C-alpha atoms as a PDB file:
ATOM      1  CA  MET A   1     -20.229 -19.927 -30.309  1.00  0.00           C
ATOM      2  CA  SER A   2     -20.982 -16.903 -32.469  1.00  0.00           C
ATOM      3  CA  THR A   3     -21.294 -13.308 -31.477  1.00  0.00           C
ATOM      4  CA  GLU A   4     -23.533 -10.718 -32.969  1.00  0.00           C
ATOM      5  CA  PRO A   5     -21.831  -7.969 -34.966  1.00  0.00           C
ATOM      6  CA  GLY A   6     -22.871  -5.152 -32.622  1.00  0.00           C
ATOM      7  CA  SER A   7     -22.145  -6.929 -29.330  1.00  0.00           C
ATOM      8  CA  GLU A   8     -18.404  -6.311 -29.195  1.00  0.00           C
ATOM      9  CA  SER A   9     -17.276  -3.285 -27.227  1.00  0.00           C
ATOM     10  CA  PRO A  10     -14.767  -1.122 -29.072  1.00  0.00           C
ATOM     11  CA  GLN A  11     -11.247  -1.159 -27.663  1.00  0.00           C
ATOM     12  CA  PRO A  12      -9.318   2.110 -27.469  1.00  0.00           C
ATOM     13  CA  PRO A  13      -6.328   2.198 -29.810  1.00  0.00           C
ATOM     14  CA  GLU A  14      -2.975   1.411 -28.224  1.00  0.00           C
ATOM     15  CA  LYS A  15      -0.830   4.454 -27.685  1.00  0.00           C
ATOM     16  CA  GLU A  16       2.483   4.139 -29.362  1.00  0.00           C
ATOM     17  CA  GLY A  17       5.758   5.750 -28.539  1.00  0.00           C
ATOM     18  CA  ARG A  18       7.210   6.911 -25.261  1.00  0.00           C
ATOM     19  CA  GLY A  19       3.975   8.334 -23.853  1.00  0.00           C
ATOM     20  CA  GLY A  20       2.240   4.977 -24.040  1.00  0.00           C
ATOM     21  CA  ASP A  21       5.180   3.230 -22.385  1.00  0.00           C
ATOM     22  CA  TRP A  22       5.243   5.771 -19.572  1.00  0.00           C
ATOM     23  CA  THR A  23       1.499   5.443 -18.996  1.00  0.00           C
ATOM     24  CA  ARG A  24       1.700   1.660 -18.929  1.00  0.00           C
ATOM     25  CA  ALA A  25       4.652   1.695 -16.515  1.00  0.00           C
ATOM     26  CA  LEU A  26       2.899   4.139 -14.202  1.00  0.00           C
ATOM     27  CA  ARG A  27      -0.299   2.085 -14.280  1.00  0.00           C
ATOM     28  CA  GLU A  28       1.655  -1.043 -13.330  1.00  0.00           C
ATOM     29  CA  ALA A  29       3.551   0.739 -10.540  1.00  0.00           C
ATOM     30  CA  ALA A  30       0.566   2.611  -9.083  1.00  0.00           C
ATOM     31  CA  PRO A  31      -0.457  -0.030  -6.520  1.00  0.00           C
ATOM     32  CA  TYR A  32       3.055   0.042  -5.034  1.00  0.00           C
ATOM     33  CA  LEU A  33       3.434   3.830  -4.806  1.00  0.00           C
ATOM     34  CA  GLY A  34       1.518   4.118  -1.536  1.00  0.00           C
ATOM     35  CA  ILE A  35       3.405   1.372   0.297  1.00  0.00           C
ATOM     36  CA  GLY A  36       6.065   3.704   1.730  1.00  0.00           C
ATOM     37  CA  SER A  37       3.600   6.177   3.175  1.00  0.00           C
ATOM     38  CA  SER A  38       1.467   3.322   4.475  1.00  0.00           C
ATOM     39  CA  LEU A  39       4.521   1.884   6.231  1.00  0.00           C
ATOM     40  CA  ALA A  40       5.398   5.231   7.824  1.00  0.00           C
ATOM     41  CA  VAL A  41       1.849   5.965   9.008  1.00  0.00           C
ATOM     42  CA  THR A  42       1.462   2.529  10.579  1.00  0.00           C
ATOM     43  CA  VAL A  43       4.747   2.811  12.508  1.00  0.00           C
ATOM     44  CA  LEU A  44       3.913   6.350  13.649  1.00  0.00           C
ATOM     45  CA  LEU A  45       0.479   5.239  14.851  1.00  0.00           C
ATOM     46  CA  GLY A  46       2.090   2.468  16.910  1.00  0.00           C
ATOM     47  CA  LEU A  47       4.581   4.903  18.423  1.00  0.00           C
ATOM     48  CA  GLY A  48       1.890   7.502  19.081  1.00  0.00           C
ATOM     49  CA  GLY A  49      -0.386   4.962  20.752  1.00  0.00           C
ATOM     50  CA  GLY A  50       2.462   3.747  22.955  1.00  0.00           C
ATOM     51  CA  TYR A  51       3.417   7.303  23.882  1.00  0.00           C
ATOM     52  CA  TRP A  52      -0.184   8.139  24.763  1.00  0.00           C
ATOM     53  CA  LEU A  53      -0.553   5.022  26.909  1.00  0.00           C
ATOM     54  CA  ASP A  54       2.757   5.786  28.645  1.00  0.00           C
ATOM     55  CA  GLY A  55       1.416   9.216  29.566  1.00  0.00           C
ATOM     56  CA  LYS A  56      -1.814   7.719  30.956  1.00  0.00           C
ATOM     57  CA  LEU A  57      -0.194   4.843  32.843  1.00  0.00           C
ATOM     58  CA  GLY A  58       3.164   6.386  33.773  1.00  0.00           C
ATOM     59  CA  THR A  59       5.235   3.552  32.341  1.00  0.00           C
ATOM     60  CA  ARG A  60       7.618   5.594  30.182  1.00  0.00           C
ATOM     61  CA  PRO A  61       9.330   4.407  27.908  1.00  0.00           C
ATOM     62  CA  TRP A  62       8.104   0.799  27.848  1.00  0.00           C
ATOM     63  CA  LEU A  63       4.767   1.183  26.093  1.00  0.00           C
ATOM     64  CA  PHE A  64       6.303   3.648  23.658  1.00  0.00           C
ATOM     65  CA  LEU A  65       8.861   0.993  22.688  1.00  0.00           C
ATOM     66  CA  ALA A  66       6.232  -1.741  22.598  1.00  0.00           C
ATOM     67  CA  GLY A  67       4.052   0.467  20.382  1.00  0.00           C
ATOM     68  CA  GLY A  68       7.006   1.003  18.068  1.00  0.00           C
ATOM     69  CA  VAL A  69       7.647  -2.731  17.792  1.00  0.00           C
ATOM     70  CA  PHE A  70       3.945  -3.354  17.224  1.00  0.00           C
ATOM     71  CA  GLY A  71       3.861  -0.629  14.560  1.00  0.00           C
ATOM     72  CA  VAL A  72       6.864  -2.065  12.713  1.00  0.00           C
ATOM     73  CA  VAL A  73       5.440  -5.604  12.771  1.00  0.00           C
ATOM     74  CA  ALA A  74       2.013  -4.387  11.651  1.00  0.00           C
ATOM     75  CA  ALA A  75       3.553  -2.247   8.891  1.00  0.00           C
ATOM     76  CA  PHE A  76       5.616  -5.088   7.482  1.00  0.00           C
ATOM     77  CA  TRP A  77       2.652  -7.444   7.660  1.00  0.00           C
ATOM     78  CA  GLN A  78       0.577  -4.909   5.736  1.00  0.00           C
ATOM     79  CA  VAL A  79       3.302  -4.491   3.104  1.00  0.00           C
ATOM     80  CA  TYR A  80       3.666  -8.266   2.809  1.00  0.00           C
ATOM     81  CA  LYS A  81      -0.070  -8.660   2.199  1.00  0.00           C
ATOM     82  CA  GLN A  82      -0.108  -5.878  -0.400  1.00  0.00           C
ATOM     83  CA  VAL A  83       2.855  -7.277  -2.304  1.00  0.00           C
ATOM     84  CA  MET A  84       1.711 -10.897  -2.215  1.00  0.00           C
ATOM     85  CA  VAL A  85      -1.823 -10.062  -3.389  1.00  0.00           C
ATOM     86  CA  ARG A  86      -0.505  -8.065  -6.371  1.00  0.00           C
ATOM     87  CA  LYS A  87       2.191 -10.567  -7.282  1.00  0.00           C
ATOM     88  CA  PRO A  88       1.728 -11.653 -10.909  1.00  0.00           C
END
């Protein structure tokens, strides 16, 4: 299988030194940087939903606690999926 001389796309030169290492490390870590905030937002949404339902139904604190448990389970499931998909 032969390729034509002009068909190859030029590759950018590799950066050498500390700057290139830092860029590569940051690029590899980037997918994991948002996991913490994603975890916190998911738990807070579960707690907020439970609190709101408690106010509507008058069942304080049971739906607040159930929302918190749901938020924690959902957050860890989301983190598990993100980590397992990006696992090398």
